[in-house]
Amino acid sequence: MAQDKNTRRSIASIASIVAAATLISKIFGLVRQQAIAAAFGVGAAVDAYNYAYVIPGFLLVLLGGINGPFHSAIVSVVAKREKEDSAPLIETITTLIGGILLVVTVILVIFANPLVDLVAPGLQTTEAGLKIHEIAVQQLRIMAPMALLSGLIGIGFGTLNAADMYWLPSISPLFSSVALIGGLGALAIALRGDIIAPQYAMAGGLVLAWGTLIGALLQWLVQVVAQWRSGLGSLRLRFEFGRPGVKEVLKVMGPATFSSGMMQINVYTDLWFASFIPGTASALGYAGLLVQTPLGILSNAILVPLMPIFSRLADPPDWDELKRRIRQGLILTALTMLPLGSLMMVLAMPIVRVIYERFAFDREASEFVAAILVAYGSGMFFYLGRDVLVRVFYALGDGDTPFKISIVNIFLNALLDYLLINAFGAPGLVLATVGVNIVSMVALMVLLDRKINGLPWQDWLKPFAGLTVASAIAAAASWISLTGLEAGIKAEGLIGVLVELGVSGTIGLWIFGAIVTQLGLPEVDLFVKRIRTKIGR
């Protein structure tokens, strides 16, 4: 019993460390994006960067990300071994994977031109697009070594986590942000007001690419030092491919990489369509960060504690308790995502203006990004709700069902992109993703209902309806207050817009809180308790 208690405390402690490090990294990421927006707005340099970064960024998220396939495979195998056995195994895996990814790096350098054509065919249709294409090709060649670094970072993540080191791996992504901010600062000092001039678009694009590469290199180097000090391997080539554990790692790593890669294809599809509308790629990036920052933090708070609980309740005798925990996870998701998404929809313009509107990022850019942010806000609940249900299937030992749904989603996303971009322009790409997430969530719910002998649909309907109505009322109140403040203040400066945003957002949250406390939901008390605990620390 004491052991279970210590284990749960350990899990909570790990979750807190990861959440704190994630928060710091997200803040630096937001500052990085603000610096890019101020320097280039939605211009050619940043548009090209978003296309050039597709493949390196995909590999960094897929191979180098926490909870990615490399991280998961290393943790699952190394955690069972003694340190003396782990170091040679890690060096062997690093040699094998490094060799493969070195070949990928060379391919990216040689075939950068056709790869940019593949990602963004729309750039070939206009003179401005051809300039963006030229910049993107150079950026991709510079960032190509990130293919190699991504694998090494992912292996380092898993190795350090298996050794109970969580802070450094989780916070290391901020090095990329710091390097990029430093590069932009140097460029701004060198060019001053000319940084946004069209003739310097290539220079700006190269700084973005080099800053990103240097950041990834720093992220890997700090992990290597930590591994070496912990006795978990060093920069040594080891060709012991028959060593016990190598096949075990690859057995986990291969299918997990393929499955995770399927999810990223939708991002490619969106950017393929985005290439036909100037500025869309950069606008998607700016709006996406505003959504992913709170989503990343809140998803850690919701998903990390629930994942081990779902796993412990996977046996049929425990399914009644599992259903209660699924309800808890989904209501916590609704409790956070529904009001946040609703307020983001009605307050999109002041949010974008406060975060981004300065220097090269003008009012027109704010309006463009705000329209996309409205679309993102409409789907926040479905994005995280789908993730909760996917974790339930994984806990039940069923990874095939989410994988099959992700395959169907690729074709559905392409169809919806085609239909909705014609109807709504750039926001249609986000609405297509929202539609895919809704379909995924419904499909997962129906299949889960069959898998665990029924879900209490009627019992769940009332709390979700109440939270939806409360969010709608809160959003309406925020919109009314914002409209009144805009008419009265007529703010043009940052302080005035910040006041409008702060007052309107506070009114909306206060009204939502007042309504929700009357619903009598136990999840509300749980959420408040968690927040108070975090603040108390």
Protein backbone atom coordinates (compact mmCIF):
# COMPACT_ATOMS: atom_id res chain seq x y z
CA MET A 1 0.00 0.00 0.00
CA ALA A 2 2.79 2.35 0.97
CA GLN A 3 4.55 1.42 -2.22
CA ASP A 4 1.45 2.29 -4.26
CA LYS A 5 1.21 5.60 -2.47
CA ASN A 6 4.86 6.36 -3.15
CA THR A 7 4.39 5.36 -6.78
CA ARG A 8 1.42 7.67 -7.16
CA ARG A 9 3.35 10.46 -5.48
CA SER A 10 6.24 9.79 -7.84
CA ILE A 11 3.92 9.97 -10.85
CA ALA A 12 2.47 13.24 -9.58
CA SER A 13 5.96 14.62 -9.00
CA ILE A 14 7.09 13.63 -12.49
CA ALA A 15 3.95 15.18 -13.99
CA SER A 16 4.67 18.43 -12.13
CA ILE A 17 8.27 18.52 -13.35
CA VAL A 18 7.25 17.88 -16.95
CA ALA A 19 4.40 20.41 -16.76
CA ALA A 20 6.66 23.13 -15.30
CA ALA A 21 9.36 22.51 -17.91
CA THR A 22 6.74 22.45 -20.66
CA LEU A 23 5.33 25.78 -19.46
CA ILE A 24 8.76 27.42 -19.56
CA SER A 25 9.47 25.99 -23.03
CA LYS A 26 6.05 27.15 -24.28
CA ILE A 27 6.69 30.67 -22.99
CA PHE A 28 10.01 30.82 -24.81
CA GLY A 29 8.30 29.41 -27.90
CA LEU A 30 5.71 32.18 -27.76
CA VAL A 31 8.40 34.84 -27.40
CA ARG A 32 10.21 33.29 -30.39
CA GLN A 33 7.04 33.49 -32.46
CA GLN A 34 6.49 37.10 -31.38
CA ALA A 35 10.02 37.95 -32.53
CA ILE A 36 9.42 36.29 -35.91
CA ALA A 37 6.10 38.10 -36.31
CA ALA A 38 7.63 41.46 -35.44
CA ALA A 39 10.51 40.94 -37.88
CA PHE A 40 8.69 39.48 -40.88
CA GLY A 41 4.90 39.59 -40.35
CA VAL A 42 3.36 37.19 -42.85
CA GLY A 43 6.05 37.94 -45.44
CA ALA A 44 8.13 35.78 -47.77
CA ALA A 45 10.87 34.78 -45.30
CA VAL A 46 8.51 33.29 -42.72
CA ASP A 47 6.16 31.83 -45.33
CA ALA A 48 9.11 30.02 -46.93
CA TYR A 49 10.30 28.89 -43.50
CA ASN A 50 6.96 27.24 -42.76
CA TYR A 51 7.22 25.18 -45.96
CA ALA A 52 10.93 24.37 -45.54
CA TYR A 53 10.37 23.35 -41.92
CA VAL A 54 7.69 20.79 -42.79
CA ILE A 55 10.04 17.82 -43.17
CA PRO A 56 12.67 18.75 -40.52
CA GLY A 57 9.89 19.79 -38.13
CA PHE A 58 7.99 16.59 -38.81
CA LEU A 59 11.07 14.54 -37.98
CA LEU A 60 11.77 16.59 -34.84
CA VAL A 61 8.23 16.07 -33.54
CA LEU A 62 8.03 12.45 -34.67
CA LEU A 63 11.48 11.20 -33.68
CA GLY A 64 12.71 13.77 -31.17
CA GLY A 65 9.55 14.60 -29.26
CA ILE A 66 8.66 13.50 -25.76
CA ASN A 67 6.27 10.53 -25.95
CA GLY A 68 7.47 10.03 -29.54
CA PRO A 69 8.36 6.54 -30.84
CA PHE A 70 12.12 6.82 -30.18
CA HIS A 71 11.49 8.13 -26.67
CA SER A 72 8.91 5.42 -25.91
CA ALA A 73 11.03 2.59 -27.34
CA ILE A 74 14.14 3.55 -25.39
CA VAL A 75 12.24 4.03 -22.12
CA SER A 76 10.40 0.71 -22.45
CA VAL A 77 13.64 -1.26 -22.92
CA VAL A 78 16.31 0.68 -21.00
CA ALA A 79 14.19 1.11 -17.86
CA LYS A 80 14.37 -2.69 -17.32
CA ARG A 81 18.18 -2.85 -17.52
CA GLU A 82 21.12 -2.02 -15.29
CA LYS A 83 23.15 1.07 -16.16
CA GLU A 84 26.17 -1.04 -17.14
CA ASP A 85 24.11 -2.87 -19.77
CA SER A 86 22.30 0.26 -20.93
CA ALA A 87 25.30 2.30 -22.09
CA PRO A 88 26.51 -0.17 -24.80
CA LEU A 89 22.91 -0.71 -25.93
CA ILE A 90 22.29 3.04 -26.28
CA GLU A 91 25.57 3.54 -28.17
CA THR A 92 24.65 0.70 -30.56
CA ILE A 93 21.15 2.07 -31.18
CA THR A 94 22.60 5.57 -31.67
CA THR A 95 25.10 4.24 -34.23
CA LEU A 96 22.44 2.32 -36.15
CA ILE A 97 19.79 5.05 -36.17
CA GLY A 98 22.39 7.77 -36.73
CA GLY A 99 23.66 5.99 -39.84
CA ILE A 100 20.17 5.69 -41.31
CA LEU A 101 19.28 9.32 -40.56
CA LEU A 102 22.60 10.53 -41.98
CA VAL A 103 21.49 9.07 -45.32
CA VAL A 104 18.14 10.86 -44.92
CA THR A 105 20.03 14.12 -44.30
CA VAL A 106 22.00 13.73 -47.55
CA ILE A 107 18.77 12.99 -49.46
CA LEU A 108 17.17 16.17 -48.09
CA VAL A 109 20.15 18.25 -49.21
CA ILE A 110 20.27 16.77 -52.72
CA PHE A 111 16.53 16.73 -53.38
CA ALA A 112 15.54 19.94 -51.55
CA ASN A 113 14.13 21.52 -54.72
CA PRO A 114 11.65 18.77 -55.70
CA LEU A 115 10.73 18.22 -52.04
CA VAL A 116 9.64 21.86 -51.70
CA ASP A 117 7.66 21.42 -54.93
CA LEU A 118 5.98 18.39 -53.39
CA VAL A 119 5.08 20.19 -50.16
CA ALA A 120 4.00 23.49 -51.76
CA PRO A 121 3.09 23.16 -55.46
CA GLY A 122 1.14 26.42 -55.35
CA LEU A 123 4.38 28.42 -55.08
CA GLN A 124 5.05 27.80 -58.77
CA THR A 125 1.97 29.74 -59.87
CA THR A 126 3.06 33.34 -59.07
CA GLU A 127 6.22 35.46 -59.19
CA ALA A 128 6.03 36.04 -55.42
CA GLY A 129 5.59 32.31 -54.94
CA LEU A 130 8.74 31.56 -56.94
CA LYS A 131 10.73 33.85 -54.63
CA ILE A 132 9.31 32.04 -51.59
CA HIS A 133 10.20 28.72 -53.26
CA GLU A 134 13.82 29.83 -53.78
CA ILE A 135 14.16 30.82 -50.11
CA ALA A 136 12.49 27.60 -48.91
CA VAL A 137 14.92 25.41 -50.89
CA GLN A 138 17.93 27.08 -49.25
CA GLN A 139 16.31 26.83 -45.83
CA LEU A 140 15.60 23.12 -46.26
CA ARG A 141 19.23 22.43 -47.22
CA ILE A 142 20.43 24.26 -44.10
CA MET A 143 17.98 22.47 -41.80
CA ALA A 144 18.52 19.02 -43.36
CA PRO A 145 20.89 17.88 -40.54
CA MET A 146 17.90 18.12 -38.20
CA ALA A 147 16.92 14.71 -39.59
CA LEU A 148 19.97 13.24 -37.88
CA LEU A 149 19.64 15.43 -34.78
CA SER A 150 15.96 14.50 -34.35
CA GLY A 151 16.76 10.83 -33.92
CA LEU A 152 19.63 11.55 -31.54
CA ILE A 153 17.45 13.90 -29.48
CA GLY A 154 14.68 11.29 -29.25
CA ILE A 155 17.14 8.63 -28.08
CA GLY A 156 18.53 11.09 -25.54
CA PHE A 157 15.02 11.92 -24.28
CA GLY A 158 14.28 8.26 -23.67
CA THR A 159 17.65 7.50 -22.11
CA LEU A 160 17.47 10.33 -19.58
CA ASN A 161 13.83 9.63 -18.72
CA ALA A 162 14.64 5.95 -18.14
CA ALA A 163 17.28 7.17 -15.66
CA ASP A 164 14.61 9.29 -13.89
CA MET A 165 15.93 12.56 -15.32
CA TYR A 166 12.97 14.63 -16.52
CA TRP A 167 13.76 18.30 -16.10
CA LEU A 168 16.59 18.69 -18.64
CA PRO A 169 14.95 16.73 -21.50
CA SER A 170 11.64 18.54 -21.03
CA ILE A 171 13.13 22.01 -20.91
CA SER A 172 15.80 21.50 -23.60
CA PRO A 173 13.51 22.61 -26.50
CA LEU A 174 13.85 26.20 -25.27
CA PHE A 175 17.44 26.21 -26.62
CA SER A 176 15.97 26.26 -30.11
CA SER A 177 13.86 29.30 -29.24
CA VAL A 178 16.83 31.09 -27.64
CA ALA A 179 19.06 30.46 -30.67
CA LEU A 180 16.42 31.72 -33.08
CA ILE A 181 15.68 34.83 -31.00
CA GLY A 182 19.42 35.55 -30.83
CA GLY A 183 19.76 35.24 -34.60
CA LEU A 184 16.82 37.56 -35.22
CA GLY A 185 18.26 40.09 -32.77
CA ALA A 186 21.58 40.11 -34.61
CA LEU A 187 19.81 40.53 -37.96
CA ALA A 188 17.69 43.39 -36.61
CA ILE A 189 20.81 45.18 -35.35
CA ALA A 190 22.55 44.70 -38.71
CA LEU A 191 19.65 45.74 -40.96
CA ARG A 192 17.61 47.95 -38.59
CA GLY A 193 14.45 49.14 -40.35
CA ASP A 194 15.39 47.38 -43.58
CA ILE A 195 14.78 43.93 -42.07
CA ILE A 196 11.33 43.80 -43.71
CA ALA A 197 12.57 45.05 -47.10
CA PRO A 198 11.90 42.53 -49.92
CA GLN A 199 15.58 42.48 -50.97
CA TYR A 200 16.52 41.08 -47.55
CA ALA A 201 13.91 38.31 -47.53
CA MET A 202 16.56 35.71 -48.38
CA ALA A 203 18.83 36.93 -45.57
CA GLY A 204 15.94 36.75 -43.13
CA GLY A 205 15.07 33.27 -44.31
CA LEU A 206 18.64 32.05 -43.86
CA VAL A 207 18.77 33.42 -40.31
CA LEU A 208 15.57 31.54 -39.47
CA ALA A 209 17.03 28.31 -40.86
CA TRP A 210 20.45 28.61 -39.20
CA GLY A 211 18.89 29.62 -35.87
CA THR A 212 16.64 26.56 -35.97
CA LEU A 213 19.53 24.21 -36.79
CA ILE A 214 21.80 25.67 -34.09
CA GLY A 215 18.97 25.37 -31.56
CA ALA A 216 18.48 21.68 -32.37
CA LEU A 217 22.24 21.12 -32.12
CA LEU A 218 22.33 22.76 -28.67
CA GLN A 219 19.34 20.68 -27.55
CA TRP A 220 21.21 17.49 -28.48
CA LEU A 221 24.55 18.58 -26.97
CA VAL A 222 23.11 19.27 -23.50
CA GLN A 223 21.54 15.80 -23.55
CA VAL A 224 24.83 14.18 -24.59
CA VAL A 225 26.62 15.82 -21.67
CA ALA A 226 23.92 14.64 -19.24
CA GLN A 227 24.08 11.09 -20.66
CA TRP A 228 27.86 10.98 -20.35
CA ARG A 229 27.82 12.24 -16.75
CA SER A 230 25.17 9.64 -15.88
CA GLY A 231 27.18 6.78 -17.39
CA LEU A 232 24.53 6.15 -20.05
CA GLY A 233 26.71 6.25 -23.13
CA SER A 234 28.96 8.70 -24.93
CA LEU A 235 29.83 9.80 -28.47
CA ARG A 236 31.15 6.39 -29.45
CA LEU A 237 30.40 4.33 -32.54
CA ARG A 238 29.39 0.80 -31.58
CA PHE A 239 28.42 -1.83 -34.15
CA GLU A 240 27.16 -4.59 -31.84
CA PHE A 241 23.86 -4.95 -33.71
CA GLY A 242 23.35 -8.49 -32.37
CA ARG A 243 23.42 -7.27 -28.77
CA PRO A 244 20.35 -8.28 -26.69
CA GLY A 245 17.93 -5.41 -26.53
CA VAL A 246 18.65 -3.95 -29.97
CA LYS A 247 15.93 -5.99 -31.68
CA GLU A 248 13.62 -5.29 -28.75
CA VAL A 249 14.05 -1.53 -29.20
CA LEU A 250 13.57 -1.73 -32.97
CA LYS A 251 10.47 -3.90 -32.53
CA VAL A 252 8.82 -1.12 -30.53
CA MET A 253 10.33 1.76 -32.51
CA GLY A 254 9.30 0.67 -36.03
CA PRO A 255 5.51 0.34 -35.70
CA ALA A 256 5.32 3.32 -33.34
CA THR A 257 7.15 5.52 -35.84
CA PHE A 258 4.87 4.44 -38.68
CA SER A 259 1.72 5.00 -36.62
CA SER A 260 2.83 8.43 -35.37
CA GLY A 261 3.82 9.43 -38.89
CA MET A 262 0.30 8.85 -40.15
CA MET A 263 -0.95 11.66 -37.91
CA GLN A 264 1.49 14.15 -39.46
CA ILE A 265 0.29 13.53 -43.01
CA ASN A 266 -2.71 15.76 -42.33
CA VAL A 267 -0.30 18.64 -41.63
CA TYR A 268 1.32 18.07 -45.03
CA THR A 269 -2.09 18.05 -46.68
CA ASP A 270 -3.06 21.35 -45.07
CA LEU A 271 0.17 23.04 -46.20
CA TRP A 272 -0.23 21.63 -49.71
CA PHE A 273 -3.53 23.50 -50.02
CA ALA A 274 -2.16 26.51 -48.10
CA SER A 275 0.55 27.04 -50.72
CA PHE A 276 -2.10 28.36 -53.13
CA ILE A 277 -3.01 31.28 -50.79
CA PRO A 278 -0.16 33.75 -50.03
CA GLY A 279 0.65 34.13 -46.34
CA THR A 280 -1.48 31.19 -45.22
CA ALA A 281 1.39 28.99 -44.05
CA SER A 282 2.75 31.64 -41.70
CA ALA A 283 -0.74 32.61 -40.50
CA LEU A 284 -1.49 28.97 -39.65
CA GLY A 285 1.75 28.86 -37.66
CA TYR A 286 0.98 32.02 -35.68
CA ALA A 287 -2.60 31.00 -34.86
CA GLY A 288 -1.62 27.41 -34.16
CA LEU A 289 0.89 28.45 -31.51
CA LEU A 290 -1.75 30.52 -29.69
CA VAL A 291 -3.90 27.38 -29.45
CA GLN A 292 -1.15 24.86 -28.78
CA THR A 293 0.36 26.83 -25.88
CA PRO A 294 -2.64 26.43 -23.52
CA LEU A 295 -3.51 23.06 -25.06
CA GLY A 296 -0.06 21.65 -24.35
CA ILE A 297 -0.08 22.79 -20.73
CA LEU A 298 -3.66 21.69 -19.99
CA SER A 299 -3.30 18.37 -21.81
CA ASN A 300 -0.37 17.53 -19.52
CA ALA A 301 -2.48 18.37 -16.46
CA ILE A 302 -5.38 16.20 -17.71
CA LEU A 303 -3.74 13.31 -19.58
CA VAL A 304 -0.62 12.59 -17.52
CA PRO A 305 -2.48 11.64 -14.30
CA LEU A 306 -5.18 9.69 -16.18
CA MET A 307 -2.96 7.46 -18.34
CA PRO A 308 -1.72 5.17 -15.53
CA ILE A 309 -5.25 5.06 -14.07
CA PHE A 310 -6.73 3.88 -17.38
CA SER A 311 -4.06 1.16 -17.57
CA ARG A 312 -4.85 -0.13 -14.08
CA LEU A 313 -8.56 -0.42 -14.97
CA ALA A 314 -8.15 -2.31 -18.26
CA ASP A 315 -9.51 -5.66 -16.99
CA PRO A 316 -13.28 -6.35 -17.44
CA PRO A 317 -14.05 -6.47 -13.67
CA ASP A 318 -12.80 -2.86 -13.43
CA TRP A 319 -14.73 -1.49 -16.40
CA ASP A 320 -17.38 0.28 -14.31
CA GLU A 321 -14.64 2.30 -12.64
CA LEU A 322 -12.97 2.78 -16.04
CA LYS A 323 -16.18 4.32 -17.40
CA ARG A 324 -16.28 6.70 -14.45
CA ARG A 325 -12.70 7.73 -15.13
CA ILE A 326 -13.41 8.22 -18.85
CA ARG A 327 -16.29 10.51 -17.91
CA GLN A 328 -13.94 12.34 -15.55
CA GLY A 329 -11.34 12.84 -18.27
CA LEU A 330 -13.87 14.04 -20.85
CA ILE A 331 -15.64 16.41 -18.44
CA LEU A 332 -12.30 17.87 -17.31
CA THR A 333 -11.54 18.35 -21.00
CA ALA A 334 -14.89 20.06 -21.59
CA LEU A 335 -14.50 22.14 -18.42
CA THR A 336 -11.27 23.64 -19.75
CA MET A 337 -11.53 23.49 -23.54
CA LEU A 338 -15.15 24.59 -24.11
CA PRO A 339 -14.86 27.97 -22.33
CA LEU A 340 -11.31 28.52 -23.56
CA GLY A 341 -12.27 27.77 -27.15
CA SER A 342 -15.44 29.88 -26.97
CA LEU A 343 -13.61 32.88 -25.53
CA MET A 344 -10.82 32.47 -28.08
CA MET A 345 -13.41 32.67 -30.86
CA VAL A 346 -14.98 35.95 -29.70
CA LEU A 347 -11.72 37.54 -28.49
CA ALA A 348 -9.54 36.37 -31.39
CA MET A 349 -8.77 39.85 -32.73
CA PRO A 350 -7.59 41.45 -29.46
CA ILE A 351 -5.63 38.28 -28.59
CA VAL A 352 -3.74 38.42 -31.89
CA ARG A 353 -3.19 42.17 -31.61
CA VAL A 354 -1.76 41.92 -28.09
CA ILE A 355 0.53 38.99 -28.90
CA TYR A 356 1.72 39.81 -32.41
CA GLU A 357 0.76 43.26 -33.76
CA ARG A 358 3.95 45.29 -33.87
CA PHE A 359 6.52 46.35 -36.48
CA ALA A 360 6.11 44.18 -39.63
CA PHE A 361 2.99 42.47 -38.25
CA ASP A 362 0.31 45.03 -39.18
CA ARG A 363 -3.49 45.24 -38.77
CA GLU A 364 -4.12 43.32 -42.00
CA ALA A 365 -1.97 40.46 -40.72
CA SER A 366 -3.88 40.53 -37.41
CA GLU A 367 -7.21 40.19 -39.20
CA PHE A 368 -5.88 37.28 -41.28
CA VAL A 369 -4.53 35.37 -38.26
CA ALA A 370 -7.58 36.18 -36.11
CA ALA A 371 -9.92 34.57 -38.65
CA ILE A 372 -7.86 31.37 -38.46
CA LEU A 373 -7.78 31.55 -34.65
CA VAL A 374 -11.60 31.64 -34.59
CA ALA A 375 -11.63 28.36 -36.52
CA TYR A 376 -9.07 26.82 -34.17
CA GLY A 377 -11.10 27.85 -31.12
CA SER A 378 -14.16 26.00 -32.39
CA GLY A 379 -12.34 22.66 -32.26
CA MET A 380 -10.26 22.72 -29.07
CA PHE A 381 -12.56 20.39 -27.12
CA PHE A 382 -12.65 17.80 -29.90
CA TYR A 383 -8.86 17.88 -30.29
CA LEU A 384 -8.16 17.04 -26.65
CA GLY A 385 -11.26 14.86 -26.20
CA ARG A 386 -10.06 12.63 -29.03
CA ASP A 387 -6.69 12.29 -27.29
CA VAL A 388 -8.38 11.17 -24.06
CA LEU A 389 -10.26 8.42 -25.91
CA VAL A 390 -7.16 7.30 -27.81
CA ARG A 391 -5.37 6.83 -24.47
CA VAL A 392 -8.24 4.61 -23.30
CA PHE A 393 -7.80 2.33 -26.33
CA TYR A 394 -4.05 2.15 -25.70
CA ALA A 395 -4.71 1.24 -22.05
CA LEU A 396 -6.99 -1.57 -23.26
CA GLY A 397 -4.15 -2.91 -25.40
CA ASP A 398 -5.83 -1.83 -28.65
CA GLY A 399 -3.61 0.34 -30.80
CA ASP A 400 -5.13 -0.91 -34.05
CA THR A 401 -8.44 0.95 -33.73
CA PRO A 402 -6.94 4.47 -33.39
CA PHE A 403 -4.48 3.62 -36.18
CA LYS A 404 -7.23 2.54 -38.59
CA ILE A 405 -9.21 5.67 -37.81
CA SER A 406 -6.12 7.80 -38.49
CA ILE A 407 -5.80 6.16 -41.93
CA VAL A 408 -9.40 7.06 -42.78
CA ASN A 409 -8.79 10.57 -41.46
CA ILE A 410 -6.05 11.20 -44.02
CA PHE A 411 -8.53 10.88 -46.88
CA LEU A 412 -11.30 12.67 -44.99
CA ASN A 413 -8.99 15.59 -44.21
CA ALA A 414 -7.94 15.92 -47.86
CA LEU A 415 -11.59 15.95 -48.96
CA LEU A 416 -12.62 18.51 -46.34
CA ASP A 417 -9.58 20.68 -47.14
CA TYR A 418 -10.63 20.79 -50.78
CA LEU A 419 -14.26 21.60 -49.99
CA LEU A 420 -13.77 24.06 -47.14
CA ILE A 421 -10.84 26.07 -48.50
CA ASN A 422 -13.02 26.93 -51.49
CA ALA A 423 -15.87 27.96 -49.18
CA PHE A 424 -13.99 29.75 -46.36
CA GLY A 425 -10.45 30.39 -47.61
CA ALA A 426 -7.55 29.82 -45.20
CA PRO A 427 -9.78 29.22 -42.12
CA GLY A 428 -11.34 26.35 -44.07
CA LEU A 429 -8.14 24.33 -43.59
CA VAL A 430 -8.56 24.53 -39.81
CA LEU A 431 -12.28 23.81 -40.03
CA ALA A 432 -11.38 20.67 -42.00
CA THR A 433 -9.16 19.55 -39.12
CA VAL A 434 -11.98 20.29 -36.67
CA GLY A 435 -14.33 18.17 -38.78
CA VAL A 436 -11.84 15.30 -38.80
CA ASN A 437 -11.47 15.47 -35.01
CA ILE A 438 -15.25 15.45 -34.53
CA VAL A 439 -15.62 12.38 -36.74
CA SER A 440 -12.70 10.69 -34.94
CA MET A 441 -14.15 11.39 -31.51
CA VAL A 442 -17.60 10.10 -32.45
CA ALA A 443 -16.12 6.96 -34.03
CA LEU A 444 -13.95 6.29 -30.99
CA MET A 445 -16.92 6.77 -28.64
CA VAL A 446 -19.11 4.35 -30.63
CA LEU A 447 -16.38 1.71 -30.85
CA LEU A 448 -15.51 2.12 -27.17
CA ASP A 449 -19.19 1.68 -26.31
CA ARG A 450 -19.11 -1.71 -28.03
CA LYS A 451 -15.73 -2.66 -26.58
CA ILE A 452 -16.49 -2.17 -22.87
CA ASN A 453 -20.14 -3.25 -22.84
CA GLY A 454 -21.80 0.11 -23.19
CA LEU A 455 -21.26 3.69 -22.07
CA PRO A 456 -23.79 5.58 -19.90
CA TRP A 457 -24.72 8.04 -22.66
CA GLN A 458 -27.78 9.51 -20.90
CA ASP A 459 -25.89 10.12 -17.66
CA TRP A 460 -23.17 11.95 -19.58
CA LEU A 461 -25.47 14.13 -21.68
CA LYS A 462 -26.58 16.52 -18.93
CA PRO A 463 -23.12 17.69 -17.74
CA PHE A 464 -21.85 18.16 -21.29
CA ALA A 465 -24.98 20.11 -22.25
CA GLY A 466 -24.59 22.28 -19.16
CA LEU A 467 -20.94 23.05 -19.90
CA THR A 468 -21.75 23.83 -23.53
CA VAL A 469 -24.53 26.27 -22.59
CA ALA A 470 -22.34 27.88 -19.91
CA SER A 471 -19.54 28.38 -22.45
CA ALA A 472 -21.93 29.91 -24.99
CA ILE A 473 -23.32 32.36 -22.41
CA ALA A 474 -19.82 33.29 -21.26
CA ALA A 475 -18.71 33.88 -24.85
CA ALA A 476 -21.77 36.04 -25.55
CA ALA A 477 -21.07 38.12 -22.43
CA SER A 478 -17.43 38.58 -23.46
CA TRP A 479 -18.44 39.63 -26.96
CA ILE A 480 -20.98 42.17 -25.65
CA SER A 481 -18.46 43.64 -23.21
CA LEU A 482 -15.74 43.76 -25.89
CA THR A 483 -18.08 45.53 -28.31
CA GLY A 484 -18.98 48.09 -25.65
CA LEU A 485 -15.36 48.68 -24.67
CA GLU A 486 -14.27 49.06 -28.29
CA ALA A 487 -16.97 51.67 -28.84
CA GLY A 488 -15.99 53.54 -25.66
CA ILE A 489 -12.21 53.22 -25.57
CA LYS A 490 -11.49 53.01 -29.30
CA ALA A 491 -8.07 51.64 -28.42
CA GLU A 492 -5.25 51.68 -30.94
CA GLY A 493 -2.28 51.12 -28.64
CA LEU A 494 -1.21 47.96 -26.84
CA ILE A 495 -2.39 49.09 -23.38
CA GLY A 496 -5.91 49.91 -24.58
CA VAL A 497 -6.30 46.60 -26.43
CA LEU A 498 -4.89 44.75 -23.41
CA VAL A 499 -7.51 46.40 -21.17
CA GLU A 500 -10.29 45.40 -23.59
CA LEU A 501 -9.02 41.83 -23.69
CA GLY A 502 -8.49 41.57 -19.93
CA VAL A 503 -11.88 42.98 -18.95
CA SER A 504 -13.85 41.03 -21.57
CA GLY A 505 -12.04 37.78 -20.84
CA THR A 506 -12.46 38.17 -17.08
CA ILE A 507 -16.19 38.81 -17.43
CA GLY A 508 -16.59 35.71 -19.59
CA LEU A 509 -14.62 33.48 -17.21
CA TRP A 510 -16.46 34.84 -14.16
CA ILE A 511 -19.86 34.13 -15.73
CA PHE A 512 -18.75 30.65 -16.80
CA GLY A 513 -17.49 29.93 -13.29
CA ALA A 514 -20.70 31.20 -11.71
CA ILE A 515 -22.85 28.94 -13.91
CA VAL A 516 -20.63 25.87 -13.59
CA THR A 517 -20.58 25.95 -9.79
CA GLN A 518 -24.36 25.50 -9.88
CA LEU A 519 -24.13 22.31 -11.96
CA GLY A 520 -22.92 20.20 -9.03
CA LEU A 521 -20.20 18.40 -11.01
CA PRO A 522 -17.58 16.57 -8.91
CA GLU A 523 -15.05 17.20 -11.69
CA VAL A 524 -15.30 20.94 -11.00
CA ASP A 525 -14.19 20.40 -7.41
CA LEU A 526 -11.38 18.12 -8.61
CA PHE A 527 -10.17 20.71 -11.11
CA VAL A 528 -10.24 23.53 -8.54
CA LYS A 529 -8.37 21.32 -6.07
CA ARG A 530 -5.64 20.59 -8.64
CA ILE A 531 -5.26 24.29 -9.46
CA ARG A 532 -5.02 25.22 -5.77
CA THR A 533 -2.44 22.47 -5.22
CA LYS A 534 -0.31 23.77 -8.10
CA ILE A 535 -0.56 27.36 -6.83
CA GLY A 536 0.23 26.22 -3.29
CA ARG A 537 3.49 24.71 -4.47
